[in-house]
N, C-alpha and C. Protein backbone atom coordinates (compact mmCIF):
# COMPACT_ATOMS: atom_id res chain seq x y z
N MET A 1 60.84 51.14 147.07
CA MET A 1 60.64 50.29 147.82
C MET A 1 61.61 49.10 147.27
N ILE A 2 61.43 47.70 148.22
CA ILE A 2 62.46 46.69 148.00
C ILE A 2 61.61 45.72 147.44
N HIS A 3 62.15 45.12 146.65
CA HIS A 3 61.27 43.95 146.14
C HIS A 3 62.09 42.54 146.97
N SER A 4 61.32 41.44 146.57
CA SER A 4 61.86 40.28 147.07
C SER A 4 62.04 39.31 145.89
N TYR A 5 62.39 38.25 145.75
CA TYR A 5 62.27 37.01 145.08
C TYR A 5 61.12 36.94 144.48
N GLU A 6 59.99 36.77 145.09
CA GLU A 6 59.22 36.24 145.73
C GLU A 6 58.87 37.39 144.84
N ASP A 7 58.54 38.55 144.34
CA ASP A 7 58.15 39.79 143.24
C ASP A 7 58.70 39.44 142.24
N LEU A 8 59.70 38.68 142.46
CA LEU A 8 60.78 38.92 140.80
C LEU A 8 59.68 37.19 140.11
N ILE A 9 60.08 36.39 141.14
CA ILE A 9 59.16 34.96 140.79
C ILE A 9 57.33 35.32 140.35
N ASP A 10 56.83 36.25 141.02
CA ASP A 10 55.57 36.87 140.57
C ASP A 10 55.13 36.98 138.74
N ILE A 11 55.94 38.03 138.84
CA ILE A 11 55.92 39.00 137.44
C ILE A 11 56.80 38.06 136.68
N LEU A 12 57.46 37.12 136.65
CA LEU A 12 57.99 36.43 135.34
C LEU A 12 56.96 35.21 135.36
N GLU A 13 56.62 34.74 136.18
CA GLU A 13 55.53 33.48 135.72
C GLU A 13 54.17 34.71 134.82
N LYS A 14 53.97 36.03 135.57
CA LYS A 14 52.96 36.66 135.00
C LYS A 14 53.26 36.47 133.02
N GLU A 15 54.69 36.54 133.49
CA GLU A 15 55.11 37.42 132.05
C GLU A 15 55.27 35.88 130.97
N PHE A 16 55.78 34.99 131.75
CA PHE A 16 55.45 33.67 130.86
C PHE A 16 54.32 33.65 130.62
N SER A 17 53.12 33.67 131.28
CA SER A 17 51.33 33.57 131.34
C SER A 17 51.33 34.44 129.92
N LEU A 18 51.42 35.67 129.66
CA LEU A 18 51.73 36.37 128.34
C LEU A 18 52.10 35.72 126.83
N CYS A 19 53.26 34.83 127.34
CA CYS A 19 53.91 35.14 126.52
C CYS A 19 53.36 33.45 126.06
N THR A 20 52.75 32.76 126.34
CA THR A 20 52.17 31.39 126.59
C THR A 20 51.22 31.93 125.40
N GLN A 21 50.33 32.82 125.70
CA GLN A 21 48.66 33.30 125.19
C GLN A 21 49.61 33.74 123.84
N LEU A 22 50.69 34.35 123.30
CA LEU A 22 51.07 34.57 121.93
C LEU A 22 51.42 33.80 121.37
N ALA A 23 52.14 32.67 121.83
CA ALA A 23 52.39 31.75 121.15
C ALA A 23 50.89 30.69 120.84
N GLU A 24 49.93 31.38 121.51
CA GLU A 24 48.89 30.46 121.21
C GLU A 24 48.21 31.23 119.89
N LEU A 25 48.15 32.45 119.81
CA LEU A 25 47.64 33.71 119.11
C LEU A 25 48.86 33.56 117.60
N LEU A 26 50.06 32.37 117.81
CA LEU A 26 51.06 32.99 116.49
C LEU A 26 50.96 31.32 115.95
N GLN A 27 50.18 30.96 116.69
CA GLN A 27 49.71 29.11 115.55
C GLN A 27 48.46 29.56 115.71
N LYS A 28 47.67 30.15 115.90
CA LYS A 28 45.93 30.09 115.72
C LYS A 28 46.24 31.41 114.38
N GLU A 29 47.18 32.30 114.13
CA GLU A 29 47.95 33.55 113.11
C GLU A 29 47.82 32.55 111.75
N ARG A 30 48.81 31.19 112.11
CA ARG A 30 49.18 30.47 110.51
C ARG A 30 47.82 30.52 109.38
N ASP A 31 47.45 29.33 110.51
CA ASP A 31 45.70 29.33 109.91
C ASP A 31 45.23 29.93 109.70
N VAL A 32 45.23 31.83 110.07
CA VAL A 32 43.96 32.64 109.29
C VAL A 32 45.09 33.05 108.23
N ILE A 33 46.31 32.82 108.28
CA ILE A 33 47.01 33.62 107.13
C ILE A 33 46.85 32.21 105.94
N VAL A 34 46.41 30.78 105.98
CA VAL A 34 46.32 30.44 105.09
C VAL A 34 44.51 30.22 104.18
N SER A 35 44.23 30.38 105.46
CA SER A 35 42.82 31.31 105.12
C SER A 35 42.52 32.04 104.16
N PHE A 36 43.14 32.52 105.05
CA PHE A 36 42.98 34.31 104.01
C PHE A 36 42.21 35.51 104.34
N ASP A 37 41.68 35.24 105.29
CA ASP A 37 40.58 35.57 106.77
C ASP A 37 40.56 37.60 107.01
N PRO A 38 40.58 38.47 106.01
CA PRO A 38 41.24 39.26 106.74
C PRO A 38 40.10 39.85 107.69
N ALA A 39 39.63 39.94 108.06
CA ALA A 39 38.73 40.18 109.28
C ALA A 39 39.45 39.79 110.61
N GLU A 40 39.73 38.06 110.96
CA GLU A 40 40.31 38.01 111.34
C GLU A 40 41.96 38.18 111.81
N ILE A 41 41.97 37.82 110.86
CA ILE A 41 43.32 38.50 110.45
C ILE A 41 43.83 40.15 111.57
N GLU A 42 42.89 40.94 111.75
CA GLU A 42 42.66 41.92 111.79
C GLU A 42 41.80 42.17 113.52
N LEU A 43 41.63 41.28 114.11
CA LEU A 43 41.85 40.96 115.14
C LEU A 43 43.19 40.14 116.16
N LEU A 44 43.16 39.55 115.66
CA LEU A 44 44.78 38.29 116.26
C LEU A 44 45.62 39.99 116.01
N LEU A 45 45.98 40.78 114.76
CA LEU A 45 46.98 41.93 115.09
C LEU A 45 46.88 42.86 116.40
N ASN A 46 45.51 42.85 116.36
CA ASN A 46 44.77 43.46 117.78
C ASN A 46 45.40 42.85 119.26
N ASP A 47 44.63 42.03 119.10
CA ASP A 47 45.03 40.76 119.80
C ASP A 47 46.77 40.61 120.02
N LYS A 48 47.11 40.68 119.36
CA LYS A 48 48.89 40.45 119.28
C LYS A 48 49.62 41.99 120.35
N LYS A 49 48.58 43.29 119.65
CA LYS A 49 49.51 43.95 120.07
C LYS A 49 49.11 44.82 121.38
N ALA A 50 47.88 44.69 121.68
CA ALA A 50 47.50 43.71 123.61
C ALA A 50 48.33 43.21 124.40
N ILE A 51 48.88 41.78 124.21
CA ILE A 51 49.21 40.71 124.62
C ILE A 51 51.18 41.19 124.32
N THR A 52 51.34 42.01 123.85
CA THR A 52 52.82 42.46 123.10
C THR A 52 52.90 43.88 124.30
N GLY A 53 52.12 44.65 124.02
CA GLY A 53 51.94 46.13 125.63
C GLY A 53 51.78 45.13 127.00
N LYS A 54 51.65 44.53 127.34
CA LYS A 54 51.44 43.81 128.40
C LYS A 54 52.75 42.94 128.84
N ILE A 55 52.94 43.10 127.85
CA ILE A 55 54.40 42.19 127.92
C ILE A 55 55.68 43.49 128.13
N ARG A 56 55.52 44.29 127.62
CA ARG A 56 56.48 45.16 127.90
C ARG A 56 56.51 45.46 128.90
N ALA A 57 54.57 46.00 129.44
CA ALA A 57 54.94 46.86 131.07
C ALA A 57 55.49 45.66 131.86
N TYR A 58 55.34 44.38 131.74
CA TYR A 58 56.32 43.05 132.13
C TYR A 58 57.41 43.32 132.81
N ASP A 59 58.12 43.26 131.38
CA ASP A 59 59.21 43.60 131.50
C ASP A 59 60.57 44.99 132.18
N GLU A 60 59.31 46.11 132.33
CA GLU A 60 59.55 47.47 133.03
C GLU A 60 59.83 46.87 134.40
N THR A 61 58.60 46.43 134.52
CA THR A 61 58.42 46.23 135.93
C THR A 61 59.97 44.51 136.48
N ARG A 62 59.88 44.17 136.10
CA ARG A 62 60.83 42.87 135.59
C ARG A 62 62.12 44.21 136.20
N GLU A 63 62.73 44.35 135.44
CA GLU A 63 64.19 45.43 135.05
C GLU A 63 63.59 46.23 136.76
N ARG A 64 62.74 47.28 137.19
CA ARG A 64 63.01 47.20 138.45
C ARG A 64 63.16 46.54 139.37
N ILE A 65 62.31 45.45 139.31
CA ILE A 65 62.44 44.65 140.82
C ILE A 65 63.69 44.00 140.90
N LEU A 66 64.31 43.97 139.54
CA LEU A 66 66.05 43.55 139.17
C LEU A 66 67.12 44.60 139.77
N GLU A 67 66.52 45.74 139.32
CA GLU A 67 67.62 46.59 139.62
C GLU A 67 67.35 46.74 141.71
N SER A 68 66.56 46.98 142.23
CA SER A 68 66.41 46.35 143.52
C SER A 68 66.73 45.82 144.07
N LEU A 69 67.34 44.22 143.25
CA LEU A 69 67.18 42.78 143.64
C LEU A 69 68.81 43.32 143.93
N GLY A 70 69.22 44.37 142.94
CA GLY A 70 70.92 44.56 142.96
C GLY A 70 71.55 43.24 141.75
N PHE A 71 70.40 43.41 140.86
CA PHE A 71 70.36 42.22 139.68
C PHE A 71 70.51 43.72 138.96
N ARG A 72 71.15 44.39 138.55
CA ARG A 72 70.82 45.45 136.97
C ARG A 72 71.54 45.19 136.01
N ASP A 73 70.05 44.68 135.13
CA ASP A 73 70.95 44.46 133.25
C ASP A 73 71.50 42.56 133.40
N LYS A 74 70.90 42.08 134.66
CA LYS A 74 71.14 40.72 134.39
C LYS A 74 70.21 39.52 133.80
N THR A 75 70.49 38.72 133.10
CA THR A 75 69.24 37.54 133.08
C THR A 75 69.09 36.82 133.77
N VAL A 76 67.53 35.84 133.79
CA VAL A 76 66.95 35.39 134.76
C VAL A 76 67.76 34.27 135.23
N SER A 77 68.94 33.80 133.73
CA SER A 77 69.51 32.53 134.27
C SER A 77 71.09 33.39 135.16
N GLU A 78 70.99 34.31 134.68
CA GLU A 78 72.33 35.01 135.37
C GLU A 78 71.82 34.94 137.16
N VAL A 79 70.57 35.86 137.46
CA VAL A 79 69.91 35.52 138.44
C VAL A 79 70.11 34.50 139.48
N ALA A 80 69.54 33.33 138.84
CA ALA A 80 69.74 32.06 139.15
C ALA A 80 71.09 31.73 140.10
N GLU A 81 71.88 31.77 138.90
CA GLU A 81 73.06 31.31 139.29
C GLU A 81 73.27 31.68 140.50
N ILE A 82 73.41 33.24 141.40
CA ILE A 82 73.58 33.61 141.94
C ILE A 82 72.78 34.77 142.75
N ALA A 83 71.20 34.28 142.72
CA ALA A 83 70.16 34.05 143.98
C ALA A 83 70.09 33.66 145.15
N ASP A 84 69.71 33.54 146.20
CA ASP A 84 70.14 33.31 147.75
C ASP A 84 69.53 31.57 147.45
N LYS A 85 69.71 31.03 148.03
CA LYS A 85 69.84 28.72 147.48
C LYS A 85 68.14 28.53 147.63
N ASP A 86 67.34 29.43 148.68
CA ASP A 86 65.58 29.19 148.74
C ASP A 86 65.47 29.19 147.31
N TYR A 87 66.01 29.91 146.31
CA TYR A 87 65.01 30.77 144.56
C TYR A 87 65.92 30.64 143.93
N ARG A 88 66.74 29.62 144.30
CA ARG A 88 66.90 29.38 142.71
C ARG A 88 67.16 28.14 141.75
N GLU A 89 66.87 27.61 142.20
CA GLU A 89 66.05 26.29 141.33
C GLU A 89 64.77 26.83 140.54
N ARG A 90 63.99 27.14 141.76
CA ARG A 90 62.72 27.85 140.48
C ARG A 90 63.37 29.02 139.96
N LEU A 91 63.97 29.83 140.36
CA LEU A 91 64.45 31.00 139.21
C LEU A 91 64.83 29.89 138.01
N THR A 92 65.94 29.32 137.81
CA THR A 92 66.61 28.13 136.87
C THR A 92 65.84 27.51 135.94
N ALA A 93 64.65 27.36 136.99
CA ALA A 93 63.43 25.97 136.19
C ALA A 93 62.56 27.77 135.48
N ILE A 94 62.24 28.47 135.52
CA ILE A 94 62.28 29.97 134.95
C ILE A 94 62.75 30.31 133.64
N ALA A 95 64.01 30.12 134.00
CA ALA A 95 64.37 30.46 133.13
C ALA A 95 64.74 29.62 131.87
N SER A 96 64.73 28.22 132.15
CA SER A 96 64.49 27.60 131.21
C SER A 96 63.16 27.45 130.38
N GLU A 97 61.94 27.67 131.24
CA GLU A 97 60.74 27.95 130.64
C GLU A 97 61.21 28.83 129.32
N PHE A 98 61.18 29.96 129.85
CA PHE A 98 60.91 31.27 128.92
C PHE A 98 62.01 30.91 127.99
N ILE A 99 63.78 30.42 127.94
CA ILE A 99 64.03 29.91 126.87
C ILE A 99 63.38 29.16 125.45
N SER A 100 63.01 28.09 126.79
CA SER A 100 62.14 27.20 125.02
C SER A 100 60.75 27.85 124.82
N MET A 101 60.15 29.00 125.83
CA MET A 101 59.37 29.56 125.20
C MET A 101 59.52 30.54 123.44
N LEU A 102 60.29 31.17 124.01
CA LEU A 102 60.97 32.41 123.30
C LEU A 102 61.82 32.02 122.24
N GLN A 103 62.07 30.49 122.18
CA GLN A 103 62.57 29.83 120.67
C GLN A 103 61.46 29.70 119.53
N SER A 104 60.08 28.87 120.69
CA SER A 104 58.99 28.58 120.04
C SER A 104 58.27 29.86 119.69
N ILE A 105 58.62 30.84 119.80
CA ILE A 105 57.43 31.99 119.54
C ILE A 105 58.54 32.50 118.28
N SER A 106 59.82 32.29 118.13
CA SER A 106 60.89 32.90 117.15
C SER A 106 59.99 32.07 116.02
N GLU A 107 60.34 30.14 116.52
CA GLU A 107 60.08 29.52 115.30
C GLU A 107 58.33 29.79 113.94
N LEU A 108 57.42 30.17 114.98
CA LEU A 108 56.01 30.51 114.95
C LEU A 108 56.25 31.86 113.75
N ASN A 109 56.77 32.72 115.36
CA ASN A 109 56.75 34.24 114.00
C ASN A 109 58.19 33.40 112.58
N GLU A 110 58.39 33.16 112.64
CA GLU A 110 59.80 33.34 111.23
C GLU A 110 58.78 32.30 110.27
N PHE A 111 57.99 31.16 110.06
CA PHE A 111 56.43 30.55 109.93
C PHE A 111 56.36 31.48 108.96
N ASN A 112 55.11 32.03 110.03
CA ASN A 112 54.47 32.68 109.53
C ASN A 112 54.23 34.24 109.24
N SER A 113 56.20 34.81 108.99
CA SER A 113 56.02 35.44 108.04
C SER A 113 56.74 35.09 106.44
N ARG A 114 57.37 34.41 106.79
CA ARG A 114 57.16 32.87 105.26
C ARG A 114 56.02 32.82 104.57
N LEU A 115 54.82 32.43 105.40
CA LEU A 115 53.45 32.22 104.62
C LEU A 115 53.19 33.56 104.20
N ILE A 116 53.18 34.78 105.19
CA ILE A 116 52.53 36.03 104.17
C ILE A 116 53.79 36.08 103.37
N GLU A 117 54.78 36.60 103.13
CA GLU A 117 55.80 36.04 101.69
C GLU A 117 54.91 35.81 100.77
N LYS A 118 55.16 34.16 101.03
CA LYS A 118 54.39 33.50 100.15
C LYS A 118 52.61 33.65 99.32
N SER A 119 52.13 34.86 100.44
CA SER A 119 51.06 34.70 99.93
C SER A 119 51.17 36.45 99.38
N LEU A 120 52.47 36.99 99.96
CA LEU A 120 52.27 38.16 98.56
C LEU A 120 52.91 38.04 97.46
N TYR A 121 53.88 37.29 97.45
CA TYR A 121 53.76 36.42 95.98
C TYR A 121 53.15 36.05 95.03
N PHE A 122 52.51 35.23 96.01
CA PHE A 122 51.38 34.60 95.26
C PHE A 122 50.00 35.74 94.85
N ILE A 123 50.02 37.06 95.52
CA ILE A 123 48.79 37.69 94.70
C ILE A 123 49.75 39.32 93.44
N ARG A 124 51.00 39.07 93.56
CA ARG A 124 51.96 39.91 92.90
C ARG A 124 51.73 39.44 91.54
N THR A 125 52.11 37.55 91.51
CA THR A 125 52.23 37.01 90.23
C THR A 125 50.71 36.98 89.07
N SER A 126 49.49 36.69 90.84
CA SER A 126 47.91 36.79 89.89
C SER A 126 47.99 37.68 89.18
N TYR A 127 48.31 39.66 89.90
CA TYR A 127 47.76 40.84 89.63
C TYR A 127 48.70 41.21 88.65
N SER A 128 50.51 40.44 87.89
CA SER A 128 50.78 41.10 86.95
C SER A 128 50.10 39.68 85.76
N PHE A 129 49.49 39.15 86.30
CA PHE A 129 48.74 37.93 84.97
C PHE A 129 48.22 38.85 84.84
N LEU A 130 47.01 38.57 85.69
CA LEU A 130 45.27 39.99 84.79
C LEU A 130 46.24 41.11 84.25
N LYS A 131 47.00 41.68 84.75
CA LYS A 131 48.06 43.44 84.24
C LYS A 131 48.31 42.32 82.91
N ALA A 132 49.26 41.71 82.70
CA ALA A 132 49.53 40.93 80.97
C ALA A 132 48.23 40.84 80.21
N HIS A 133 46.87 40.42 80.52
CA HIS A 133 46.09 39.99 80.48
C HIS A 133 45.18 41.28 79.96
N ASP A 134 45.59 42.11 80.54
CA ASP A 134 44.89 43.36 80.41
C ASP A 134 43.56 43.15 81.01
N VAL A 135 43.24 42.60 82.24
CA VAL A 135 42.08 42.63 82.96
C VAL A 135 42.48 43.60 83.91
N GLY A 136 41.38 44.88 83.97
CA GLY A 136 41.32 45.78 85.05
C GLY A 136 40.25 45.74 85.76
N THR A 137 40.59 46.11 86.62
CA THR A 137 39.83 46.36 88.48
C THR A 137 38.71 46.29 87.77
N GLN A 138 38.07 47.15 86.85
CA GLN A 138 36.78 47.63 86.04
C GLN A 138 36.34 46.47 85.49
N GLN A 139 37.32 45.46 84.41
CA GLN A 139 36.42 44.34 84.38
C GLN A 139 36.16 43.30 84.39
N LYS A 140 35.33 42.02 84.39
CA LYS A 140 35.29 41.03 84.90
C LYS A 140 35.50 40.10 84.18
N VAL A 141 35.78 39.16 85.22
CA VAL A 141 36.32 37.93 84.69
C VAL A 141 35.68 37.24 84.43
N SER A 142 35.52 36.33 82.90
CA SER A 142 34.43 35.43 83.23
C SER A 142 34.86 33.73 83.38
N VAL A 143 34.44 33.24 83.78
CA VAL A 143 34.17 31.73 84.49
C VAL A 143 35.52 31.26 83.74
N GLU A 144 35.06 31.81 81.99
CA GLU A 144 35.96 30.69 81.43
C GLU A 144 37.54 30.60 81.25
N ALA A 145 37.71 32.18 81.79
CA ALA A 145 38.82 32.55 82.04
C ALA A 145 39.90 31.99 82.32
């Protein structure tokens, strides 16, 4: 099946929409990590898994379209530079939007990773404190402690 530039733009716009949803989930994830709501964290992880699965499927479709257009292993930016002149501007804009979105996703992911590391440090420190004071999981800690 021969694809067109319109097919490529369509799949890129769908993929960008999913990336936007992923960025929104990562922002929400930040708040959930801070509040440490395990049930909400699990829901977010399931949502992220679903979105990333769809993104992977669109990636595969995009690769097939690029190959049928003769642009195997090319980035959207590279395709924009050599595409038919009627599509260059739109593809350049999409490439720019993707670069910005992927940078935002990367930054949000990094920030959330640091929050998780700090949360784990706090849990380990608290556990060490309790263990050092011989407080077991079966013992109850008084309010005065």
